N, C-alpha and C. Protein backbone atom coordinates (compact mmCIF):
# COMPACT_ATOMS: atom_id res chain seq x y z
N UNK A 1 21.03 176.33 135.79
CA UNK A 1 19.75 177.67 136.01
C UNK A 1 19.73 175.71 136.98
N UNK A 2 19.02 175.59 137.28
CA UNK A 2 18.56 174.38 138.40
C UNK A 2 17.96 173.41 138.23
N UNK A 3 17.79 172.40 138.54
CA UNK A 3 16.96 170.91 137.51
C UNK A 3 15.75 171.85 138.59
N UNK A 4 15.57 172.08 139.62
CA UNK A 4 14.44 171.89 140.27
C UNK A 4 14.73 172.92 141.41
N UNK A 5 13.27 173.71 142.11
CA UNK A 5 13.44 174.41 142.74
C UNK A 5 14.98 174.54 144.59
N UNK A 6 15.12 174.95 144.54
CA UNK A 6 15.95 174.12 145.61
C UNK A 6 14.77 174.17 147.03
N UNK A 7 13.88 175.11 147.16
CA UNK A 7 12.38 175.27 148.49
C UNK A 7 11.58 174.00 147.92
N UNK A 8 10.92 174.37 146.91
CA UNK A 8 9.89 173.58 146.22
C UNK A 8 9.59 172.27 146.38
N UNK A 9 10.71 171.96 145.72
CA UNK A 9 11.04 171.13 144.38
C UNK A 9 10.78 170.55 143.06
N UNK A 10 10.01 171.83 142.54
CA UNK A 10 9.39 171.77 141.68
C UNK A 10 10.24 171.89 140.13
N UNK A 11 9.76 170.85 139.37
CA UNK A 11 10.83 170.43 137.97
C UNK A 11 10.68 172.11 137.44
N UNK A 12 12.46 172.21 136.81
CA UNK A 12 12.36 173.59 135.66
C UNK A 12 12.26 173.08 134.59
N UNK A 13 12.15 171.60 133.79
CA UNK A 13 12.49 171.14 132.62
C UNK A 13 10.94 170.17 132.39
N UNK A 14 10.47 171.35 132.55
CA UNK A 14 8.51 170.50 132.23
C UNK A 14 8.73 169.49 131.89
N UNK A 15 9.03 169.90 130.00
CA UNK A 15 8.86 168.92 128.64
C UNK A 15 10.41 169.37 127.94
N UNK A 16 9.93 168.74 127.35
CA UNK A 16 11.33 168.83 125.98
C UNK A 16 10.66 170.49 125.14
N UNK A 17 11.93 171.10 125.21
CA UNK A 17 11.59 172.53 124.50
C UNK A 17 11.10 172.77 124.95
N UNK A 18 10.37 173.81 126.80
CA UNK A 18 9.98 174.55 127.40
C UNK A 18 10.05 176.00 127.56
N UNK A 19 10.95 175.69 126.94
CA UNK A 19 11.69 177.47 127.52
C UNK A 19 11.41 178.19 126.33
N UNK A 20 11.45 177.75 124.57
CA UNK A 20 11.42 177.46 124.61
C UNK A 20 10.99 179.05 123.89
N UNK A 21 9.71 179.02 124.67
CA UNK A 21 8.44 180.14 124.96
C UNK A 21 9.24 181.23 125.45
N UNK A 22 10.85 181.67 126.15
CA UNK A 22 10.99 182.60 126.84
C UNK A 22 10.97 183.52 125.79
N UNK A 23 11.96 183.57 124.74
CA UNK A 23 11.57 184.08 123.42
C UNK A 23 10.66 185.05 122.73
N UNK A 24 10.25 184.16 123.20
CA UNK A 24 9.06 185.59 122.73
C UNK A 24 8.51 186.41 123.85
N UNK A 25 9.01 185.81 125.33
CA UNK A 25 8.48 187.50 126.30
C UNK A 25 9.82 187.98 126.10
N UNK A 26 10.76 187.49 126.23
CA UNK A 26 11.88 188.60 125.58
C UNK A 26 12.08 189.48 124.55
N UNK A 27 11.27 188.69 123.92
CA UNK A 27 11.40 189.77 122.97
C UNK A 27 9.99 190.99 122.89
N UNK A 28 9.25 190.29 123.87
CA UNK A 28 8.88 191.27 124.18
C UNK A 28 8.74 192.41 125.30
N UNK A 29 9.63 191.95 126.32
CA UNK A 29 10.07 193.16 127.65
C UNK A 29 10.88 193.15 126.28
N UNK A 30 11.65 193.41 125.44
CA UNK A 30 12.85 194.13 124.56
C UNK A 30 12.28 195.62 123.86
N UNK A 31 10.84 194.51 123.84
CA UNK A 31 9.86 196.30 122.46
C UNK A 31 9.06 197.11 123.96
N UNK A 32 8.97 196.24 124.94
CA UNK A 32 8.60 196.90 126.46
C UNK A 32 9.16 198.43 126.26
N UNK A 33 10.94 197.59 126.83
CA UNK A 33 11.45 198.64 127.12
C UNK A 33 12.12 199.66 126.57
N UNK A 34 12.47 198.46 125.42
CA UNK A 34 12.47 200.36 124.26
C UNK A 34 11.92 202.33 123.75
N UNK A 35 10.66 200.79 123.77
CA UNK A 35 9.39 202.19 123.98
C UNK A 35 9.54 203.12 124.64
N UNK A 36 10.01 202.13 126.35
CA UNK A 36 10.20 203.49 126.99
C UNK A 36 10.92 204.24 127.29
N UNK A 37 12.08 203.86 126.81
CA UNK A 37 13.69 204.21 126.25
C UNK A 37 13.55 205.50 125.02
N UNK A 38 12.81 205.20 124.50
CA UNK A 38 11.79 206.11 123.45
C UNK A 38 11.78 207.72 124.06
N UNK A 39 11.27 207.06 124.95
CA UNK A 39 9.46 207.68 125.12
C UNK A 39 10.52 208.93 125.66
N UNK A 40 10.96 208.16 126.66
CA UNK A 40 11.87 209.07 127.86
C UNK A 40 13.12 209.89 127.03
N UNK A 41 13.36 209.36 126.28
CA UNK A 41 14.37 210.23 125.35
C UNK A 41 13.24 211.59 124.59
N UNK A 42 12.58 210.95 123.75
CA UNK A 42 11.57 211.82 123.60
C UNK A 42 11.11 213.22 124.85
N UNK A 43 10.64 212.27 125.72
CA UNK A 43 10.38 213.73 127.44
C UNK A 43 11.59 214.74 127.78
N UNK A 44 12.99 213.77 127.65
CA UNK A 44 13.75 214.49 128.40
C UNK A 44 14.92 215.53 127.02
N UNK A 45 14.81 214.72 125.95
CA UNK A 45 16.48 214.86 125.66
C UNK A 45 15.43 215.49 124.18
N UNK A 46 14.31 215.13 123.76
CA UNK A 46 13.60 215.34 122.23
C UNK A 46 14.35 214.76 121.32
N UNK A 47 13.47 214.45 120.90
CA UNK A 47 13.77 213.37 119.35
C UNK A 47 13.84 214.80 117.93
N UNK A 48 15.01 215.20 117.51
CA UNK A 48 15.02 215.30 115.60
C UNK A 48 16.24 214.74 115.09
N UNK A 49 15.94 214.76 113.73
CA UNK A 49 16.54 214.05 113.08
C UNK A 49 17.89 214.68 111.91
N UNK A 50 17.57 216.00 112.23
CA UNK A 50 18.56 216.67 112.15
C UNK A 50 20.11 217.15 112.33
N UNK A 51 19.84 216.86 114.40
CA UNK A 51 21.03 216.54 114.43
C UNK A 51 21.57 215.19 115.22
N UNK A 52 21.10 214.55 114.57
CA UNK A 52 21.17 212.77 114.98
C UNK A 52 21.03 212.54 116.45
N UNK A 53 19.64 212.76 117.08
CA UNK A 53 19.39 212.83 117.98
C UNK A 53 18.50 211.70 118.45
N UNK A 54 17.54 210.98 116.89
CA UNK A 54 17.49 209.79 116.60
C UNK A 54 18.74 208.42 117.14
N UNK A 55 19.85 208.24 116.47
CA UNK A 55 21.34 208.41 115.86
C UNK A 55 21.65 207.96 117.73
N UNK A 56 21.74 208.60 118.38
CA UNK A 56 21.68 208.79 119.75
C UNK A 56 21.37 207.65 120.58
N UNK A 57 19.82 207.72 120.21
CA UNK A 57 19.03 207.03 121.16
C UNK A 57 19.87 205.87 121.13
N UNK A 58 19.19 205.39 119.38
CA UNK A 58 19.45 204.31 119.14
C UNK A 58 20.88 203.33 119.95
N UNK A 59 21.45 204.29 119.81
CA UNK A 59 22.87 203.11 120.19
C UNK A 59 22.75 202.83 121.14
N UNK A 60 22.40 204.07 122.18
CA UNK A 60 21.90 203.93 123.75
C UNK A 60 20.64 203.35 123.61
N UNK A 61 20.33 202.74 123.05
CA UNK A 61 19.48 201.75 124.15
C UNK A 61 19.70 200.78 123.23
N UNK A 62 20.60 200.07 122.27
CA UNK A 62 21.06 199.63 122.06
C UNK A 62 22.88 198.69 123.10
N UNK A 63 23.25 199.87 123.52
CA UNK A 63 24.17 198.97 124.96
C UNK A 63 23.40 198.64 125.59
N UNK A 64 22.36 199.39 126.28
CA UNK A 64 21.18 199.00 127.18
C UNK A 64 20.78 197.35 127.40
N UNK A 65 20.48 197.44 125.66
CA UNK A 65 19.16 195.99 125.77
C UNK A 65 21.38 195.18 125.83
N UNK A 66 21.80 195.44 125.81
CA UNK A 66 22.86 194.23 125.05
C UNK A 66 23.34 194.23 126.80
N UNK A 67 23.17 195.24 127.89
CA UNK A 67 24.04 194.96 129.17
C UNK A 67 23.04 194.26 129.86
N UNK A 68 21.89 195.65 129.74
CA UNK A 68 20.46 194.10 130.57
C UNK A 68 20.13 192.86 129.85
N UNK A 69 20.59 192.84 128.85
CA UNK A 69 20.23 190.92 128.53
C UNK A 69 20.09 190.35 129.68
N UNK A 70 21.14 189.94 130.16
CA UNK A 70 20.98 188.73 131.56
C UNK A 70 19.87 188.89 132.42
N UNK A 71 19.33 189.72 132.49
CA UNK A 71 18.56 190.55 133.27
C UNK A 71 16.40 190.13 133.00
N UNK A 72 17.52 190.42 131.65
CA UNK A 72 15.58 190.04 130.62
C UNK A 72 15.50 188.76 130.10
N UNK A 73 15.83 187.86 130.74
CA UNK A 73 17.05 186.95 130.52
C UNK A 73 15.72 185.72 131.60
N UNK A 74 16.34 185.94 132.75
CA UNK A 74 15.61 186.44 134.34
C UNK A 74 14.78 186.37 134.71
N UNK A 75 13.85 187.12 134.17
CA UNK A 75 12.77 188.50 133.86
C UNK A 75 11.88 187.40 132.76
N UNK A 76 12.38 186.90 131.64
CA UNK A 76 11.36 186.72 130.76
C UNK A 76 11.35 184.70 131.04
N UNK A 77 12.14 183.82 132.09
CA UNK A 77 12.04 182.90 132.59
C UNK A 77 10.99 183.25 133.18
N UNK A 78 10.94 184.22 134.31
CA UNK A 78 10.26 184.35 135.18
C UNK A 78 8.31 184.47 134.90
N UNK A 79 8.48 185.19 134.40
CA UNK A 79 7.20 185.45 133.87
C UNK A 79 6.53 183.94 133.00
N UNK A 80 7.53 182.67 132.23
CA UNK A 80 7.23 182.58 131.53
C UNK A 80 6.65 181.28 131.98
N UNK A 81 7.28 180.62 133.17
CA UNK A 81 7.08 179.51 134.21
C UNK A 81 5.90 179.82 134.91
N UNK A 82 5.95 180.75 135.26
CA UNK A 82 4.27 181.32 135.86
C UNK A 82 3.03 180.95 135.32
N UNK A 83 2.94 181.62 134.17
CA UNK A 83 1.60 181.32 133.47
C UNK A 83 1.38 179.71 133.12
N UNK A 84 2.36 178.64 133.56
CA UNK A 84 1.54 177.39 133.89
C UNK A 84 2.44 176.02 135.08
N UNK A 85 2.70 177.50 135.95
CA UNK A 85 2.99 176.73 137.34
C UNK A 85 2.64 177.87 138.29
N UNK A 86 1.52 178.11 139.32
CA UNK A 86 1.14 178.96 139.90
C UNK A 86 1.49 179.19 140.87
N UNK A 87 1.75 180.18 142.46
CA UNK A 87 2.39 179.66 143.53
C UNK A 87 1.43 179.50 144.78
N UNK A 88 1.86 178.59 145.21
CA UNK A 88 1.27 178.09 146.19
C UNK A 88 1.23 178.01 147.43
N UNK A 89 0.45 178.42 148.13
CA UNK A 89 1.16 178.78 149.53
C UNK A 89 1.61 177.70 150.97
N UNK A 90 1.30 176.47 149.70
CA UNK A 90 1.32 175.19 150.59
C UNK A 90 1.53 174.45 150.39
N UNK A 91 3.47 175.16 149.62
CA UNK A 91 4.38 174.15 149.36
C UNK A 91 4.74 172.89 149.78
N UNK A 92 5.43 173.20 150.90
CA UNK A 92 5.45 172.35 151.94
C UNK A 92 4.89 170.51 152.08
N UNK A 93 3.55 171.25 152.12
CA UNK A 93 2.76 170.29 152.18
C UNK A 93 2.17 169.50 150.77
N UNK A 94 2.82 170.11 149.43
CA UNK A 94 1.70 169.50 148.25
C UNK A 94 2.68 169.18 147.26
N UNK A 95 2.68 168.69 146.63
CA UNK A 95 3.42 168.05 145.14
C UNK A 95 3.47 169.01 144.64
N UNK A 96 4.77 169.14 144.24
CA UNK A 96 5.25 169.86 142.88
C UNK A 96 4.23 168.96 141.66
N UNK A 97 3.95 170.00 140.63
CA UNK A 97 3.12 170.24 139.91
C UNK A 97 3.37 169.29 138.42
N UNK A 98 3.13 168.38 138.39
CA UNK A 98 3.92 167.18 136.82
C UNK A 98 3.12 167.79 135.63
N UNK A 99 3.89 166.85 134.40
CA UNK A 99 3.78 167.72 133.75
C UNK A 99 3.61 166.26 133.12
N UNK A 100 3.08 165.88 131.70
CA UNK A 100 2.71 164.97 130.33
C UNK A 100 4.09 165.09 129.52
N UNK A 101 4.90 164.20 129.47
CA UNK A 101 6.07 163.99 128.43
C UNK A 101 6.90 162.74 128.63
């Protein structure tokens, strides 16, 4: 990951341990993804314990989460940094946001 944005020069490492919060965002995204796949599986295939459909959903969901982990991590960083740094349409003429650390 870059030290700062190549366009607006906003520092990404705003304070020590800043990115630890992305774990919570990534967890919420994984839960939302799992709920969405469960509902889609339930509507399209159905849920039954007698023929292991739940097990197949769990296996499919686990594989999808592993494959999509890089995407979920990038998305969680984007969402987390947006909590603290808002978009500035005049970024060319203004200073990047500074943090005290």
